[in-house]
């Protein structure tokens, strides 16, 4: 009887110790996805796979996207030992252009590395690229007119039409010179700026509307300094 008690106590201690050391572990085979080059406005979707390589249930406590343009959804928030789950990530490129890198931080109860950052990167190509993006015309004499051109290049997959153009200042006039733009070509908007007052700065915007559903309007700021 006296021999069994220590033996049972030892077994109990080993069980408690084993339970104490049981822990989930987070493993990601491929945590970076490159989506290459996409047209502005397209949504990119990718599914990341995470695995629990530990010996207790892995819990996904929170998913933290880097911005509102990125959404993340797990297939399950509870992952048993040896099992996997999927995290679907969607990036909306509507308001972005150029080289992009968007991320989602996965917070878990893993023992060694509880957080992991999933990354999506690539290049967003504007369907319509305007040049220059800003018109800074410097000094212009009051009553004199300076004329400049805006070029709108079609980088999309279909012909685009410039439908209309208007400005926010009567001192800025704008007209469409070439409004139908085949793929790979450029359209032209002519701008004429005529300062009428001695204000320190002349400023306004040129708004160009198009039939492109991803880029329905292009806005270009205009600045000048009226002089006598």
Protein backbone atom coordinates (compact mmCIF):
# COMPACT_ATOMS: atom_id res chain seq x y z
CA UNK A 1 0.00 0.00 0.00
CA UNK A 2 2.79 2.37 0.86
CA UNK A 3 4.49 1.50 -2.45
CA UNK A 4 1.45 2.27 -4.62
CA UNK A 5 0.92 5.82 -3.31
CA UNK A 6 4.29 7.16 -4.44
CA UNK A 7 3.85 5.37 -7.79
CA UNK A 8 0.44 6.92 -8.35
CA UNK A 9 1.81 10.29 -7.30
CA UNK A 10 4.65 9.95 -9.79
CA UNK A 11 2.29 9.04 -12.59
CA UNK A 12 0.08 11.99 -11.72
CA UNK A 13 3.07 14.33 -11.77
CA UNK A 14 4.14 13.04 -15.17
CA UNK A 15 0.62 13.54 -16.53
CA UNK A 16 0.48 17.13 -15.22
CA UNK A 17 3.92 17.86 -16.64
CA UNK A 18 2.97 16.45 -20.04
CA UNK A 19 -0.20 18.53 -20.09
CA UNK A 20 1.75 21.62 -19.10
CA UNK A 21 4.18 21.17 -21.99
CA UNK A 22 1.45 20.44 -24.60
CA UNK A 23 1.25 23.43 -26.90
CA UNK A 24 0.03 24.29 -30.40
CA UNK A 25 2.56 25.43 -33.00
CA UNK A 26 1.91 27.52 -36.12
CA UNK A 27 3.49 26.51 -39.42
CA UNK A 28 3.05 28.22 -42.81
CA UNK A 29 4.47 26.56 -45.91
CA UNK A 30 4.26 29.66 -48.12
CA UNK A 31 3.59 32.98 -46.42
CA UNK A 32 4.26 35.27 -49.40
CA UNK A 33 2.18 35.42 -52.59
CA UNK A 34 3.27 37.50 -55.59
CA UNK A 35 0.35 38.36 -57.85
CA UNK A 36 2.51 39.83 -60.62
CA UNK A 37 1.03 42.79 -62.53
CA UNK A 38 -2.69 43.51 -62.50
CA UNK A 39 -4.90 46.26 -63.88
CA UNK A 40 -6.10 48.85 -61.40
CA UNK A 41 -9.53 47.97 -60.02
CA UNK A 42 -9.04 44.22 -60.08
CA UNK A 43 -9.48 42.17 -56.90
CA UNK A 44 -6.76 39.63 -56.15
CA UNK A 45 -7.65 36.55 -54.10
CA UNK A 46 -5.26 34.01 -52.62
CA UNK A 47 -5.65 31.21 -50.09
CA UNK A 48 -2.87 30.68 -47.57
CA UNK A 49 -2.61 27.36 -45.71
CA UNK A 50 -1.56 27.24 -42.07
CA UNK A 51 -0.88 24.05 -40.11
CA UNK A 52 -0.81 23.14 -36.44
CA UNK A 53 2.41 21.17 -35.88
CA UNK A 54 1.99 21.15 -32.09
CA UNK A 55 0.16 18.79 -29.76
CA UNK A 56 -2.72 21.01 -28.63
CA UNK A 57 -5.49 22.86 -30.47
CA UNK A 58 -4.30 25.97 -32.34
CA UNK A 59 -6.65 28.94 -32.03
CA UNK A 60 -6.74 31.80 -34.53
CA UNK A 61 -7.50 34.68 -32.20
CA UNK A 62 -7.41 37.57 -34.66
CA UNK A 63 -6.63 38.47 -38.27
CA UNK A 64 -5.24 41.99 -38.73
CA UNK A 65 -5.13 43.26 -42.36
CA UNK A 66 -2.76 46.16 -43.06
CA UNK A 67 -5.57 48.34 -44.48
CA UNK A 68 -9.26 48.40 -45.34
CA UNK A 69 -8.42 47.37 -48.92
CA UNK A 70 -7.55 43.88 -47.71
CA UNK A 71 -9.94 41.33 -46.20
CA UNK A 72 -9.09 38.00 -44.60
CA UNK A 73 -11.34 35.06 -43.67
CA UNK A 74 -10.29 31.77 -41.99
CA UNK A 75 -11.90 28.44 -42.87
CA UNK A 76 -11.76 27.60 -39.15
CA UNK A 77 -10.54 29.33 -36.01
CA UNK A 78 -9.82 26.05 -34.21
CA UNK A 79 -7.15 23.76 -35.68
CA UNK A 80 -6.50 20.36 -34.03
CA UNK A 81 -2.94 18.98 -33.82
CA UNK A 82 -1.64 17.86 -37.21
CA UNK A 83 -4.48 19.56 -39.10
CA UNK A 84 -4.55 22.59 -41.40
CA UNK A 85 -6.82 25.53 -42.11
CA UNK A 86 -7.11 28.02 -44.95
CA UNK A 87 -7.05 31.80 -44.76
CA UNK A 88 -8.60 33.50 -47.79
CA UNK A 89 -7.15 36.97 -48.43
CA UNK A 90 -8.65 39.44 -50.91
CA UNK A 91 -6.93 42.67 -52.00
CA UNK A 92 -8.96 45.38 -53.78
CA UNK A 93 -6.64 47.43 -56.01
CA UNK A 94 -9.18 50.13 -56.95
CA UNK A 95 -7.41 53.02 -55.19
CA UNK A 96 -3.82 51.91 -55.70
CA UNK A 97 -1.11 51.98 -58.34
CA UNK A 98 2.54 51.01 -58.56
CA UNK A 99 4.38 48.47 -56.46
CA UNK A 100 2.16 47.15 -53.66
CA UNK A 101 2.69 45.04 -50.56
CA UNK A 102 -0.29 44.20 -48.38
CA UNK A 103 -0.20 42.03 -45.28
CA UNK A 104 -2.37 40.19 -42.77
CA UNK A 105 -1.08 39.46 -39.28
CA UNK A 106 -2.37 36.15 -37.89
CA UNK A 107 -2.55 36.17 -34.07
CA UNK A 108 -2.79 32.72 -32.44
CA UNK A 109 -2.16 30.89 -29.17
CA UNK A 110 0.93 29.12 -30.56
CA UNK A 111 3.63 28.43 -28.00
CA UNK A 112 6.81 29.67 -29.72
CA UNK A 113 5.67 32.08 -32.44
CA UNK A 114 2.08 33.17 -31.78
CA UNK A 115 1.95 35.73 -34.63
CA UNK A 116 2.72 35.33 -38.32
CA UNK A 117 2.49 37.87 -41.17
CA UNK A 118 1.03 36.77 -44.49
CA UNK A 119 2.09 38.95 -47.43
CA UNK A 120 0.66 39.67 -50.89
CA UNK A 121 2.75 41.78 -53.23
CA UNK A 122 2.87 42.79 -56.87
CA UNK A 123 2.33 45.74 -59.18
CA UNK A 124 -0.92 47.57 -59.88
CA UNK A 125 -0.99 49.17 -63.32
CA UNK A 126 -3.31 52.15 -63.76
CA UNK A 127 -5.79 51.57 -66.54
CA UNK A 128 -5.50 55.27 -67.38
CA UNK A 129 -2.29 57.15 -66.67
CA UNK A 130 -2.30 60.94 -66.82
CA UNK A 131 0.83 63.00 -67.41
CA UNK A 132 1.65 65.29 -65.79
CA UNK A 133 -0.26 64.41 -62.63
CA UNK A 134 -0.05 67.98 -61.39
CA UNK A 135 0.18 71.21 -63.40
CA UNK A 136 2.50 73.66 -61.64
CA UNK A 137 2.80 76.51 -64.12
CA UNK A 138 4.80 79.04 -62.11
CA UNK A 139 4.46 82.78 -62.79
CA UNK A 140 1.89 83.96 -65.35
CA UNK A 141 1.11 87.63 -66.05
CA UNK A 142 -2.41 88.75 -65.22
CA UNK A 143 -4.45 88.70 -68.42
CA UNK A 144 -1.95 86.50 -70.25
CA UNK A 145 -2.73 82.90 -71.17
CA UNK A 146 -0.55 79.85 -70.84
CA UNK A 147 -1.53 76.72 -72.71
CA UNK A 148 -0.44 73.21 -71.75
CA UNK A 149 -1.50 69.66 -72.61
CA UNK A 150 -2.44 66.68 -70.49
CA UNK A 151 -1.81 63.23 -71.94
CA UNK A 152 -4.04 60.34 -70.88
CA UNK A 153 -2.55 56.94 -71.76
CA UNK A 154 -4.68 53.81 -72.00
CA UNK A 155 -2.91 50.90 -70.23
CA UNK A 156 -6.04 48.78 -70.01
CA UNK A 157 -7.46 46.09 -72.27
CA UNK A 158 -10.16 48.03 -74.13
CA UNK A 159 -10.57 51.31 -75.98
CA UNK A 160 -11.46 54.18 -73.64
CA UNK A 161 -13.34 57.41 -74.34
CA UNK A 162 -12.86 60.73 -72.58
CA UNK A 163 -16.46 61.88 -72.17
CA UNK A 164 -16.14 65.39 -70.75
CA UNK A 165 -13.84 67.81 -68.98
CA UNK A 166 -14.56 70.65 -66.57
CA UNK A 167 -12.66 72.86 -64.17
CA UNK A 168 -13.28 74.38 -60.74
CA UNK A 169 -12.05 77.87 -61.68
CA UNK A 170 -13.16 80.29 -64.44
CA UNK A 171 -9.47 81.15 -64.88
CA UNK A 172 -8.83 77.60 -66.09
CA UNK A 173 -10.30 76.41 -69.41
CA UNK A 174 -10.10 72.85 -70.67
CA UNK A 175 -11.10 70.98 -73.82
CA UNK A 176 -10.69 67.46 -75.15
CA UNK A 177 -8.51 67.30 -78.26
CA UNK A 178 -8.39 63.52 -78.66
CA UNK A 179 -11.08 61.66 -76.77
CA UNK A 180 -11.04 58.12 -78.17
CA UNK A 181 -8.01 56.21 -76.90
CA UNK A 182 -7.20 52.73 -78.26
CA UNK A 183 -5.17 50.36 -76.08
CA UNK A 184 -1.58 51.56 -75.76
CA UNK A 185 -2.29 55.03 -77.14
CA UNK A 186 -2.81 58.45 -75.54
CA UNK A 187 -5.55 61.03 -75.59
CA UNK A 188 -5.05 64.76 -75.13
CA UNK A 189 -6.74 67.43 -73.04
CA UNK A 190 -5.78 71.06 -73.74
CA UNK A 191 -5.57 73.42 -70.74
CA UNK A 192 -5.51 77.23 -70.93
CA UNK A 193 -4.80 79.22 -67.76
CA UNK A 194 -5.47 82.98 -67.66
CA UNK A 195 -5.02 84.76 -64.29
CA UNK A 196 -7.59 87.52 -63.78
CA UNK A 197 -6.77 88.77 -60.28
CA UNK A 198 -3.75 89.64 -58.18
CA UNK A 199 -4.29 86.74 -55.82
CA UNK A 200 -1.04 85.26 -54.55
CA UNK A 201 -1.88 81.81 -55.90
CA UNK A 202 -4.17 80.62 -58.65
CA UNK A 203 -5.37 77.11 -57.97
CA UNK A 204 -8.05 74.76 -59.19
CA UNK A 205 -8.74 71.31 -60.56
CA UNK A 206 -9.35 69.76 -63.95
CA UNK A 207 -11.88 66.88 -63.83
CA UNK A 208 -11.92 64.46 -66.76
CA UNK A 209 -14.73 61.89 -66.96
CA UNK A 210 -14.27 58.63 -68.87
CA UNK A 211 -16.24 55.53 -69.78
CA UNK A 212 -13.74 53.28 -67.99
CA UNK A 213 -15.57 51.61 -65.06
CA UNK A 214 -12.36 51.38 -63.00
CA UNK A 215 -11.39 55.02 -63.61
CA UNK A 216 -14.53 57.06 -64.17
CA UNK A 217 -12.87 60.34 -63.28
CA UNK A 218 -9.35 61.74 -63.45
CA UNK A 219 -8.51 64.80 -61.35
CA UNK A 220 -5.47 67.00 -61.99
CA UNK A 221 -4.54 69.92 -59.68
CA UNK A 222 -3.51 73.20 -61.36
CA UNK A 223 -1.33 75.89 -59.71
CA UNK A 224 0.07 79.18 -60.93
CA UNK A 225 1.36 82.47 -59.53
CA UNK A 226 -0.30 85.58 -61.05
CA UNK A 227 2.11 88.52 -61.63
CA UNK A 228 1.72 92.06 -62.94
